[in-house]
């Protein structure tokens, strides 16, 4: 019998699903990707997807992976799953979806709900947090479904995140990983379990404990691949599915960041800065750290909701010349954007962008809007593009300082993953703006690798996470900061960028009063 020395990681992102095979040193042995439309939108602001799209993408990616002939699937020792966060699916007793999945990108709100009452309501009122709780209620997908599709909610057997849904399709079990619990759900983030009965979240949501899946710690077994799943995916029947975590949490350990001094930046649709920490630290009051891919640890995170989505926004709104040229040359438009900014000096000749294209909860608040200041007749599309890369980095540096202040631990080096990490300009801008050495991990697929690390622990290949991360990750290219550039960025950051939101906030609020937008 051949040695079982490979791990299959399934990574279900917002726009594609990847089937990835890793060896026990963290090398990528085979990869197959299936792209799909991220969502459909029946009304402005809605973002939904047929859950079958995700499952069929999983089946297709796996079947194509075996057809590549690069790996013998009999060598696969186990499977791990990581997915986009906050996407919810209502299913019946047979696991069939009752409605389209509501994606994390969905912007609908449930207004007019009764405010939280009782002692919790009084407590939050005294703490001046009633607005935060009302935001939680309005944003929760469960409240919208319960309000506008009450019969469907009544017939819901299980209310699952995408990770829980795909786990059911693979194993036939209504279980999910603790590491995947990110969303408007009654989860106790401090104790990493479903919230106790007295917790305020149960009063804000129509969810009962019975419709939630059982939770399993990362690195432990969720179940085994069923005969039906084996037939559709080609994954050998009976292989163990090991609990991993949500994509951002997996990216952190897949980038080699296990210490709170190592900041992990994710340059994806949503840009984030994360650190792994043993302590429960809220980066913003009442905004919890999320479960880590390491049991009993937390991922302290600050988000820029429309992070590297802004690169796509630029491409669609201003990048038509590059799109046409890229199509003619068989390139990606982003490769030409790299050339576009090569001759643009640091700080974009005074053009400064604050990337609040989508409002936030507290910092920024629900009134927030994006801003670009400093325009002059010297500025071109290229300056605007560079200011986007710089603006996202400014916002993440602010997040870094917030994490450092709350955790009392300085961040001394950076790892960058996600699509934006492939840009040399973005990497050098990050190093210069933060004034820190900034490294790419040894491979791009950090989310899948993080899931594989969880599986390697669960399958007994490594005895602990420290040795697994050391054995399966390593630093790739390192970008050292140019300290002359850092001085420029530092002055603009402190004297201009950090003052923008406070100065503009009253104008944002007045814009909302006059126009009704954002609602």
Protein backbone atom coordinates (compact mmCIF):
# COMPACT_ATOMS: atom_id res chain seq x y z
CA UNK A 1 0.00 0.00 0.00
CA UNK A 2 1.34 3.41 -0.96
CA UNK A 3 2.07 5.96 1.73
CA UNK A 4 -0.72 8.43 2.40
CA UNK A 5 1.40 11.57 2.53
CA UNK A 6 -0.69 14.24 0.78
CA UNK A 7 -3.53 16.52 1.90
CA UNK A 8 -6.41 17.83 -0.20
CA UNK A 9 -7.48 21.37 0.71
CA UNK A 10 -10.67 22.86 -0.71
CA UNK A 11 -10.75 26.67 -0.77
CA UNK A 12 -14.15 28.19 -1.64
CA UNK A 13 -13.67 31.90 -2.24
CA UNK A 14 -16.04 34.60 -3.42
CA UNK A 15 -15.29 34.24 -7.14
CA UNK A 16 -13.81 30.76 -7.47
CA UNK A 17 -13.18 27.43 -5.80
CA UNK A 18 -9.78 25.76 -5.72
CA UNK A 19 -8.85 22.15 -5.10
CA UNK A 20 -5.28 22.07 -3.83
CA UNK A 21 -3.00 19.17 -2.94
CA UNK A 22 -0.11 19.82 -0.52
CA UNK A 23 2.69 17.62 0.70
CA UNK A 24 3.82 17.63 4.33
CA UNK A 25 6.48 20.29 3.68
CA UNK A 26 3.86 22.75 2.43
CA UNK A 27 4.69 22.36 -1.26
CA UNK A 28 1.83 22.62 -3.72
CA UNK A 29 1.66 19.34 -5.65
CA UNK A 30 -1.42 20.07 -7.77
CA UNK A 31 -3.99 22.82 -8.22
CA UNK A 32 -7.28 23.20 -10.03
CA UNK A 33 -9.52 26.26 -10.00
CA UNK A 34 -13.15 26.68 -11.10
CA UNK A 35 -14.35 30.26 -11.59
CA UNK A 36 -17.99 31.28 -11.13
CA UNK A 37 -20.01 34.49 -11.00
CA UNK A 38 -19.77 35.61 -7.39
CA UNK A 39 -23.48 36.35 -7.02
CA UNK A 40 -26.68 37.42 -8.69
CA UNK A 41 -28.65 40.46 -7.57
CA UNK A 42 -32.44 40.65 -7.92
CA UNK A 43 -32.47 44.07 -6.30
CA UNK A 44 -29.79 46.73 -5.78
CA UNK A 45 -27.55 45.79 -2.90
CA UNK A 46 -28.59 42.14 -2.82
CA UNK A 47 -25.96 39.44 -3.29
CA UNK A 48 -27.19 35.84 -3.55
CA UNK A 49 -26.00 32.58 -5.07
CA UNK A 50 -27.50 29.17 -5.73
CA UNK A 51 -25.70 26.90 -3.21
CA UNK A 52 -25.49 24.24 -5.90
CA UNK A 53 -23.04 26.50 -7.75
CA UNK A 54 -20.58 26.08 -4.89
CA UNK A 55 -21.05 22.31 -4.72
CA UNK A 56 -20.77 21.80 -8.46
CA UNK A 57 -17.61 23.94 -8.49
CA UNK A 58 -16.19 21.69 -5.76
CA UNK A 59 -17.05 18.54 -7.70
CA UNK A 60 -15.66 19.92 -10.97
CA UNK A 61 -12.43 21.19 -9.39
CA UNK A 62 -11.74 17.84 -7.73
CA UNK A 63 -12.56 15.76 -10.81
CA UNK A 64 -10.34 17.96 -12.97
CA UNK A 65 -7.60 17.74 -10.37
CA UNK A 66 -7.49 13.95 -10.65
CA UNK A 67 -7.54 14.21 -14.45
CA UNK A 68 -4.34 16.29 -14.39
CA UNK A 69 -2.51 13.12 -13.38
CA UNK A 70 -0.07 15.02 -11.16
CA UNK A 71 -0.98 13.14 -7.99
CA UNK A 72 -2.22 9.68 -7.14
CA UNK A 73 -5.39 10.26 -5.15
CA UNK A 74 -4.74 7.08 -3.19
CA UNK A 75 -1.94 9.04 -1.50
CA UNK A 76 -4.44 11.55 -0.09
CA UNK A 77 -4.56 11.09 3.69
CA UNK A 78 -7.35 13.53 4.45
CA UNK A 79 -9.32 16.59 3.39
CA UNK A 80 -9.68 20.13 4.80
CA UNK A 81 -12.15 22.84 3.85
CA UNK A 82 -11.92 26.63 4.07
CA UNK A 83 -14.51 29.07 2.73
CA UNK A 84 -15.52 32.70 2.44
CA UNK A 85 -16.98 34.03 5.68
CA UNK A 86 -20.47 35.15 6.63
CA UNK A 87 -22.39 33.50 3.75
CA UNK A 88 -25.54 31.80 5.10
CA UNK A 89 -27.77 28.99 3.81
CA UNK A 90 -31.14 27.74 5.13
CA UNK A 91 -31.69 24.01 4.56
CA UNK A 92 -34.44 21.46 5.21
CA UNK A 93 -34.08 18.10 7.00
CA UNK A 94 -32.48 16.55 3.94
CA UNK A 95 -29.93 19.34 3.64
CA UNK A 96 -31.64 20.86 0.59
CA UNK A 97 -31.40 24.67 0.40
CA UNK A 98 -34.69 26.48 0.93
CA UNK A 99 -33.51 29.71 -0.69
CA UNK A 100 -30.40 31.10 -2.35
CA UNK A 101 -27.35 31.60 -0.17
CA UNK A 102 -27.12 35.15 1.16
CA UNK A 103 -23.52 36.25 0.66
CA UNK A 104 -21.33 38.29 2.94
CA UNK A 105 -21.48 41.00 0.26
CA UNK A 106 -25.27 41.39 0.64
CA UNK A 107 -26.17 44.91 1.81
CA UNK A 108 -29.87 44.61 2.63
CA UNK A 109 -30.96 45.71 6.07
CA UNK A 110 -33.97 44.94 8.27
CA UNK A 111 -35.15 48.28 9.58
CA UNK A 112 -37.88 48.88 12.16
CA UNK A 113 -37.02 45.99 14.48
CA UNK A 114 -37.83 46.47 18.16
CA UNK A 115 -34.77 47.64 20.09
CA UNK A 116 -33.16 45.30 22.57
CA UNK A 117 -35.05 45.55 25.86
CA UNK A 118 -34.64 44.34 29.44
CA UNK A 119 -31.39 44.49 31.38
CA UNK A 120 -29.28 44.06 28.26
CA UNK A 121 -31.04 47.00 26.61
CA UNK A 122 -30.44 49.15 29.70
CA UNK A 123 -26.80 48.08 29.89
CA UNK A 124 -26.07 48.94 26.26
CA UNK A 125 -27.95 52.24 26.61
CA UNK A 126 -25.82 53.24 29.61
CA UNK A 127 -22.70 52.12 27.72
CA UNK A 128 -23.81 54.21 24.71
CA UNK A 129 -23.75 51.12 22.54
CA UNK A 130 -27.44 50.96 21.58
CA UNK A 131 -26.57 52.09 18.05
CA UNK A 132 -24.07 49.24 17.67
CA UNK A 133 -26.69 46.69 18.75
CA UNK A 134 -29.28 48.20 16.39
CA UNK A 135 -26.71 47.91 13.56
CA UNK A 136 -26.18 44.22 14.45
CA UNK A 137 -29.94 43.61 14.32
CA UNK A 138 -30.39 45.42 11.01
CA UNK A 139 -27.43 43.68 9.35
CA UNK A 140 -28.24 40.12 10.51
CA UNK A 141 -29.36 38.01 7.55
CA UNK A 142 -31.50 35.85 9.84
CA UNK A 143 -33.62 38.85 10.80
CA UNK A 144 -34.31 39.70 7.17
CA UNK A 145 -35.30 36.14 6.26
CA UNK A 146 -37.45 35.81 9.40
CA UNK A 147 -39.18 39.15 8.67
CA UNK A 148 -39.78 38.84 4.93
CA UNK A 149 -39.88 35.05 4.43
CA UNK A 150 -41.45 33.83 7.68
CA UNK A 151 -42.81 30.55 6.23
CA UNK A 152 -39.39 29.68 4.88
CA UNK A 153 -37.81 30.46 8.24
CA UNK A 154 -40.39 28.27 9.95
CA UNK A 155 -39.40 25.36 7.70
CA UNK A 156 -35.65 25.83 8.25
CA UNK A 157 -34.12 22.70 9.77
CA UNK A 158 -30.58 24.08 9.91
CA UNK A 159 -29.15 27.55 9.48
CA UNK A 160 -25.62 27.07 8.14
CA UNK A 161 -22.63 29.03 7.05
CA UNK A 162 -21.22 28.01 3.66
CA UNK A 163 -18.59 25.94 5.47
CA UNK A 164 -21.30 24.00 7.29
CA UNK A 165 -23.26 23.45 4.08
CA UNK A 166 -20.27 22.05 2.18
CA UNK A 167 -19.33 19.95 5.21
CA UNK A 168 -22.81 18.42 5.07
CA UNK A 169 -22.48 17.71 1.35
CA UNK A 170 -19.15 15.98 1.95
CA UNK A 171 -19.97 14.04 5.15
CA UNK A 172 -23.75 13.97 5.59
CA UNK A 173 -23.29 15.56 9.03
CA UNK A 174 -24.65 18.89 10.25
CA UNK A 175 -21.38 19.98 11.82
CA UNK A 176 -18.97 22.86 11.30
CA UNK A 177 -15.63 24.09 12.56
CA UNK A 178 -15.37 26.56 15.41
CA UNK A 179 -12.79 28.31 13.25
CA UNK A 180 -15.43 29.15 10.62
CA UNK A 181 -17.87 30.98 12.89
CA UNK A 182 -17.79 34.53 11.60
CA UNK A 183 -21.06 36.36 11.03
CA UNK A 184 -24.25 37.64 12.58
CA UNK A 185 -24.84 34.50 14.61
CA UNK A 186 -25.24 33.77 18.35
CA UNK A 187 -21.61 32.77 18.82
CA UNK A 188 -19.60 33.42 21.98
CA UNK A 189 -16.34 34.68 20.50
CA UNK A 190 -14.57 34.83 23.84
CA UNK A 191 -15.26 31.24 24.84
CA UNK A 192 -15.36 29.90 21.24
CA UNK A 193 -18.73 28.14 21.45
CA UNK A 194 -22.40 28.88 20.90
CA UNK A 195 -23.47 31.70 23.19
CA UNK A 196 -25.02 30.79 26.57
CA UNK A 197 -28.80 31.08 26.89
CA UNK A 198 -28.62 34.42 28.68
CA UNK A 199 -26.50 36.12 26.01
CA UNK A 200 -27.96 39.22 24.32
CA UNK A 201 -27.45 37.80 20.80
CA UNK A 202 -30.33 35.31 21.24
CA UNK A 203 -32.65 38.27 21.93
CA UNK A 204 -31.50 40.09 18.78
CA UNK A 205 -31.92 37.11 16.43
CA UNK A 206 -34.77 34.67 15.61
CA UNK A 207 -32.33 31.74 15.82
CA UNK A 208 -32.88 28.77 18.13
CA UNK A 209 -30.06 26.51 19.22
CA UNK A 210 -31.64 23.49 17.51
CA UNK A 211 -31.17 24.91 14.00
CA UNK A 212 -27.43 25.44 14.43
CA UNK A 213 -24.80 22.78 13.64
CA UNK A 214 -22.57 21.09 16.18
CA UNK A 215 -19.16 22.70 16.43
CA UNK A 216 -15.78 20.96 16.21
CA UNK A 217 -12.36 22.41 17.07
CA UNK A 218 -9.87 23.06 14.25
CA UNK A 219 -7.64 20.04 13.76
CA UNK A 220 -10.35 17.56 14.80
CA UNK A 221 -12.47 15.32 12.59
CA UNK A 222 -15.77 16.59 11.18
CA UNK A 223 -16.73 13.32 9.51
CA UNK A 224 -15.86 11.03 6.61
CA UNK A 225 -16.39 11.45 2.88
CA UNK A 226 -19.64 9.68 1.99
CA UNK A 227 -20.16 7.35 -0.93
CA UNK A 228 -22.36 9.96 -2.65
CA UNK A 229 -19.74 12.68 -2.23
CA UNK A 230 -17.01 10.27 -3.38
CA UNK A 231 -18.94 9.49 -6.55
CA UNK A 232 -19.49 13.17 -7.40
CA UNK A 233 -16.06 14.50 -6.45
CA UNK A 234 -13.75 11.55 -6.97
CA UNK A 235 -12.41 11.98 -3.43
CA UNK A 236 -11.90 8.47 -2.01
CA UNK A 237 -14.80 7.35 0.17
CA UNK A 238 -14.11 7.25 3.90
CA UNK A 239 -11.32 9.82 3.95
CA UNK A 240 -11.51 12.04 7.06
CA UNK A 241 -12.60 15.66 6.70
CA UNK A 242 -10.60 17.64 9.26
CA UNK A 243 -11.93 20.91 10.67
CA UNK A 244 -10.00 23.96 9.48
CA UNK A 245 -11.19 27.58 9.66
CA UNK A 246 -12.51 30.49 7.61
CA UNK A 247 -10.34 31.74 4.75
CA UNK A 248 -8.82 34.74 6.54
CA UNK A 249 -7.92 32.67 9.63
CA UNK A 250 -6.33 30.02 7.42
CA UNK A 251 -4.39 32.70 5.53
CA UNK A 252 -2.83 33.83 8.80
CA UNK A 253 -1.27 30.47 9.71
CA UNK A 254 -0.64 29.66 6.05
CA UNK A 255 1.49 32.81 5.95
CA UNK A 256 3.48 31.59 8.93
CA UNK A 257 2.03 34.07 11.42
CA UNK A 258 1.61 32.42 14.82
CA UNK A 259 2.98 35.24 16.99
CA UNK A 260 1.22 38.56 17.75
CA UNK A 261 4.37 40.40 16.62
CA UNK A 262 3.86 39.19 13.03
CA UNK A 263 1.10 41.09 11.24
CA UNK A 264 -0.65 39.26 8.43
CA UNK A 265 -2.10 41.50 5.74
CA UNK A 266 -4.61 40.05 3.33
CA UNK A 267 -4.92 41.97 0.08
CA UNK A 268 -8.19 40.49 -1.10
CA UNK A 269 -11.67 41.80 -1.91
CA UNK A 270 -11.77 42.82 1.73
CA UNK A 271 -8.32 43.90 2.93
CA UNK A 272 -7.46 42.95 6.50
CA UNK A 273 -4.68 43.03 9.04
CA UNK A 274 -4.62 40.13 11.50
CA UNK A 275 -2.50 38.77 14.30
CA UNK A 276 -2.83 35.47 16.16
CA UNK A 277 -3.19 35.95 19.90
CA UNK A 278 -3.82 33.78 22.94
CA UNK A 279 -5.70 36.62 24.64
CA UNK A 280 -9.21 37.76 23.77
CA UNK A 281 -8.68 41.33 22.56
CA UNK A 282 -11.38 43.42 20.88
CA UNK A 283 -9.65 45.71 18.33
CA UNK A 284 -12.69 48.00 18.60
CA UNK A 285 -15.04 47.79 21.63
CA UNK A 286 -17.78 45.20 20.99
CA UNK A 287 -16.12 44.09 17.73
CA UNK A 288 -14.75 40.66 18.69
CA UNK A 289 -11.60 38.92 17.52
CA UNK A 290 -12.53 35.95 15.37
CA UNK A 291 -11.69 32.29 15.97
CA UNK A 292 -8.19 31.36 14.87
CA UNK A 293 -7.32 28.30 12.82
CA UNK A 294 -5.44 27.29 15.99
CA UNK A 295 -7.72 25.96 18.77
CA UNK A 296 -8.18 28.28 21.78
CA UNK A 297 -6.51 31.17 19.93
CA UNK A 298 -7.99 34.30 18.41
CA UNK A 299 -7.44 36.22 15.18
CA UNK A 300 -7.47 39.92 16.03
CA UNK A 301 -8.57 41.65 12.85
CA UNK A 302 -9.22 45.08 11.40
CA UNK A 303 -10.98 45.19 8.03
CA UNK A 304 -11.04 47.57 5.10
CA UNK A 305 -14.28 46.30 3.62
CA UNK A 306 -13.65 47.48 0.05
CA UNK A 307 -9.92 46.78 0.04
CA UNK A 308 -8.52 45.38 -3.18
CA UNK A 309 -12.02 45.44 -4.61
CA UNK A 310 -10.96 49.01 -5.37
CA UNK A 311 -8.45 47.72 -7.93
CA UNK A 312 -11.35 46.10 -9.78
CA UNK A 313 -13.37 49.31 -9.36
CA UNK A 314 -10.53 51.25 -10.97
CA UNK A 315 -10.29 48.69 -13.76
CA UNK A 316 -14.01 48.91 -14.55
CA UNK A 317 -14.32 52.69 -14.28
CA UNK A 318 -10.94 53.98 -15.51
CA UNK A 319 -8.96 51.04 -16.88
CA UNK A 320 -10.49 50.49 -20.32
CA UNK A 321 -7.25 51.22 -22.24
CA UNK A 322 -5.42 48.58 -20.19
CA UNK A 323 -8.32 46.12 -20.55
CA UNK A 324 -8.24 46.42 -24.34
CA UNK A 325 -4.45 46.20 -24.51
CA UNK A 326 -4.38 43.25 -22.11
CA UNK A 327 -6.93 41.38 -24.21
CA UNK A 328 -4.81 41.91 -27.32
CA UNK A 329 -1.63 40.72 -25.59
CA UNK A 330 -3.18 37.84 -23.64
CA UNK A 331 -2.40 39.47 -20.29
CA UNK A 332 -4.33 40.46 -17.19
CA UNK A 333 -5.14 44.18 -17.00
CA UNK A 334 -3.55 44.28 -13.52
CA UNK A 335 -0.16 43.50 -15.09
CA UNK A 336 -0.43 46.68 -17.14
CA UNK A 337 -1.53 48.67 -14.10
CA UNK A 338 1.82 47.71 -12.57
CA UNK A 339 3.59 49.48 -15.42
CA UNK A 340 1.16 52.40 -15.08
CA UNK A 341 2.43 53.30 -11.59
CA UNK A 342 6.15 52.51 -11.93
CA UNK A 343 7.05 56.14 -12.69
CA UNK A 344 4.67 57.68 -10.15
CA UNK A 345 6.58 58.92 -7.09
CA UNK A 346 5.73 57.89 -3.50
CA UNK A 347 2.73 59.78 -2.08
CA UNK A 348 1.26 60.21 -5.59
CA UNK A 349 2.28 63.89 -5.72
CA UNK A 350 0.01 64.75 -2.82
CA UNK A 351 -3.05 62.71 -3.82
CA UNK A 352 -4.42 60.97 -0.71
CA UNK A 353 -7.26 58.45 -0.72
CA UNK A 354 -9.30 57.16 2.22
CA UNK A 355 -10.85 53.82 1.12
CA UNK A 356 -14.23 54.03 2.84
CA UNK A 357 -16.21 53.18 -0.30
CA UNK A 358 -18.56 51.17 1.96
CA UNK A 359 -19.70 52.42 5.39
CA UNK A 360 -18.64 50.61 8.54
CA UNK A 361 -19.98 49.92 12.02
CA UNK A 362 -17.83 52.08 14.29
CA UNK A 363 -14.48 53.05 12.74
CA UNK A 364 -15.49 54.18 10.17
CA UNK A 365 -19.14 54.65 11.13
CA UNK A 366 -22.31 54.08 9.10
CA UNK A 367 -22.15 57.59 7.66
CA UNK A 368 -18.71 57.11 6.12
CA UNK A 369 -17.86 57.75 2.50
CA UNK A 370 -14.69 57.44 0.49
CA UNK A 371 -12.57 60.51 -0.03
CA UNK A 372 -9.75 61.62 -2.33
CA UNK A 373 -8.05 64.94 -1.62
CA UNK A 374 -5.12 66.82 -3.09
CA UNK A 375 -6.04 66.80 -6.79
CA UNK A 376 -4.08 69.08 -9.11
CA UNK A 377 -3.55 69.48 -12.83
CA UNK A 378 -0.50 67.20 -12.65
CA UNK A 379 -2.56 64.16 -11.67
CA UNK A 380 -3.46 61.36 -14.06
CA UNK A 381 -5.16 57.98 -13.88
CA UNK A 382 -1.80 56.55 -12.84
CA UNK A 383 -1.67 58.81 -9.78
CA UNK A 384 -5.19 57.76 -8.88
CA UNK A 385 -4.27 54.09 -9.14
CA UNK A 386 -1.21 54.49 -6.94
CA UNK A 387 -3.28 56.48 -4.42
CA UNK A 388 -5.62 53.45 -4.15
CA UNK A 389 -2.71 51.16 -3.23
CA UNK A 390 -1.45 53.75 -0.77
CA UNK A 391 -4.90 54.45 0.68
CA UNK A 392 -5.56 50.80 1.51
CA UNK A 393 -2.12 50.62 3.17
CA UNK A 394 -2.83 53.80 5.18
CA UNK A 395 -6.08 52.29 6.47
CA UNK A 396 -4.36 49.03 7.40
CA UNK A 397 -1.57 50.90 9.18
CA UNK A 398 -4.27 52.58 11.25
CA UNK A 399 -5.60 49.10 11.99
CA UNK A 400 -2.11 47.94 12.97
CA UNK A 401 -1.81 50.73 15.52
CA UNK A 402 -5.25 49.95 16.92
CA UNK A 403 -4.29 46.28 17.37
CA UNK A 404 -0.98 47.22 18.97
CA UNK A 405 -2.68 49.59 21.40
CA UNK A 406 -5.34 47.06 22.41
CA UNK A 407 -3.03 44.04 22.59
CA UNK A 408 -0.02 45.94 23.98
CA UNK A 409 2.20 44.01 21.61
CA UNK A 410 4.19 45.77 18.85
CA UNK A 411 3.99 44.37 15.32
CA UNK A 412 7.55 44.18 14.01
CA UNK A 413 7.19 42.43 10.65
CA UNK A 414 4.54 41.82 8.02
CA UNK A 415 3.39 38.95 5.81
CA UNK A 416 1.14 39.77 2.86
CA UNK A 417 -1.15 37.30 1.08
CA UNK A 418 -4.13 37.59 -1.25
CA UNK A 419 -4.29 38.75 -4.86
CA UNK A 420 -2.75 42.15 -4.16
CA UNK A 421 0.40 40.52 -2.83
CA UNK A 422 1.33 39.64 -6.40
CA UNK A 423 1.93 43.33 -7.11
CA UNK A 424 5.55 44.38 -6.54
CA UNK A 425 4.40 47.99 -6.30
CA UNK A 426 1.82 47.16 -3.64
CA UNK A 427 4.41 45.21 -1.65
CA UNK A 428 7.00 48.00 -1.77
CA UNK A 429 4.39 50.64 -0.93
CA UNK A 430 3.38 48.56 2.09
CA UNK A 431 6.97 48.19 3.30
CA UNK A 432 7.65 51.91 2.83
CA UNK A 433 4.42 53.13 4.38
CA UNK A 434 4.64 50.86 7.44
CA UNK A 435 8.42 51.18 7.71
CA UNK A 436 8.68 47.42 8.24
CA UNK A 437 10.12 44.46 6.33
CA UNK A 438 7.24 43.01 4.33
CA UNK A 439 7.34 39.44 3.05
CA UNK A 440 5.39 37.28 0.70
CA UNK A 441 4.90 33.71 1.93
CA UNK A 442 6.67 31.02 -0.09
CA UNK A 443 3.51 30.34 -2.06
CA UNK A 444 0.40 32.27 -3.02
CA UNK A 445 -2.23 29.76 -1.82
CA UNK A 446 -1.97 30.65 1.87
CA UNK A 447 -5.63 30.03 2.71
CA UNK A 448 -5.52 26.49 1.33
CA UNK A 449 -2.16 25.89 2.99
CA UNK A 450 -3.55 27.01 6.35
CA UNK A 451 -6.37 24.50 5.99
CA UNK A 452 -3.82 21.81 5.09
CA UNK A 453 -1.88 22.66 8.27
CA UNK A 454 -5.04 22.01 10.31
CA UNK A 455 -5.43 18.68 8.52
CA UNK A 456 -1.77 17.77 9.08
CA UNK A 457 -2.32 18.23 12.83
CA UNK A 458 -5.58 16.27 12.81
CA UNK A 459 -4.02 13.41 10.88
CA UNK A 460 -1.09 13.18 13.29
CA UNK A 461 1.67 14.25 10.90
CA UNK A 462 2.70 17.01 13.32
CA UNK A 463 2.38 17.06 17.09
CA UNK A 464 1.58 20.75 17.50
CA UNK A 465 0.85 23.88 15.50
CA UNK A 466 4.24 25.47 16.10
CA UNK A 467 6.05 22.57 14.46
CA UNK A 468 3.43 22.28 11.69
CA UNK A 469 3.66 25.96 10.77
CA UNK A 470 7.46 25.79 10.91
CA UNK A 471 7.50 22.65 8.76
CA UNK A 472 4.96 23.77 6.16
CA UNK A 473 5.53 27.53 5.74
CA UNK A 474 8.49 29.76 4.98
CA UNK A 475 9.16 33.29 3.88
CA UNK A 476 9.46 34.06 0.18
CA UNK A 477 10.52 37.42 -1.22
CA UNK A 478 11.12 40.15 1.38
CA UNK A 479 10.63 43.86 0.58
CA UNK A 480 12.74 46.11 2.77
CA UNK A 481 11.42 49.62 3.47
CA UNK A 482 12.99 52.63 1.80
CA UNK A 483 13.29 54.86 4.87
CA UNK A 484 13.38 58.10 2.84
CA UNK A 485 10.02 57.17 1.36
CA UNK A 486 8.85 56.13 4.83
CA UNK A 487 9.54 59.65 6.17
CA UNK A 488 7.24 61.11 3.50
CA UNK A 489 4.49 58.56 4.12
CA UNK A 490 4.85 58.95 7.89
CA UNK A 491 4.35 62.72 7.75
CA UNK A 492 1.31 62.45 5.47
CA UNK A 493 -0.13 59.63 7.57
CA UNK A 494 0.07 61.54 10.86
CA UNK A 495 -0.56 65.08 9.63
CA UNK A 496 -3.16 64.43 6.93
CA UNK A 497 -4.57 60.89 6.61
CA UNK A 498 -5.40 60.35 10.30
CA UNK A 499 -7.21 63.70 10.43
CA UNK A 500 -9.32 63.21 7.30
CA UNK A 501 -12.14 61.12 8.72
CA UNK A 502 -12.67 63.25 11.82
CA UNK A 503 -12.73 66.45 9.75
CA UNK A 504 -15.02 65.02 7.06
CA UNK A 505 -17.42 63.11 9.33
CA UNK A 506 -19.80 66.07 9.89
CA UNK A 507 -19.97 66.57 6.12
CA UNK A 508 -20.69 62.85 5.59
CA UNK A 509 -23.50 63.05 8.12
CA UNK A 510 -24.96 66.11 6.40
CA UNK A 511 -24.73 64.38 3.01
CA UNK A 512 -26.71 61.47 4.44
CA UNK A 513 -29.33 63.83 5.89
CA UNK A 514 -29.79 65.58 2.55
CA UNK A 515 -29.58 62.65 0.14
CA UNK A 516 -30.55 59.65 2.30
CA UNK A 517 -27.40 57.84 1.20
CA UNK A 518 -25.94 55.73 2.67
CA UNK A 519 -29.30 54.58 4.13
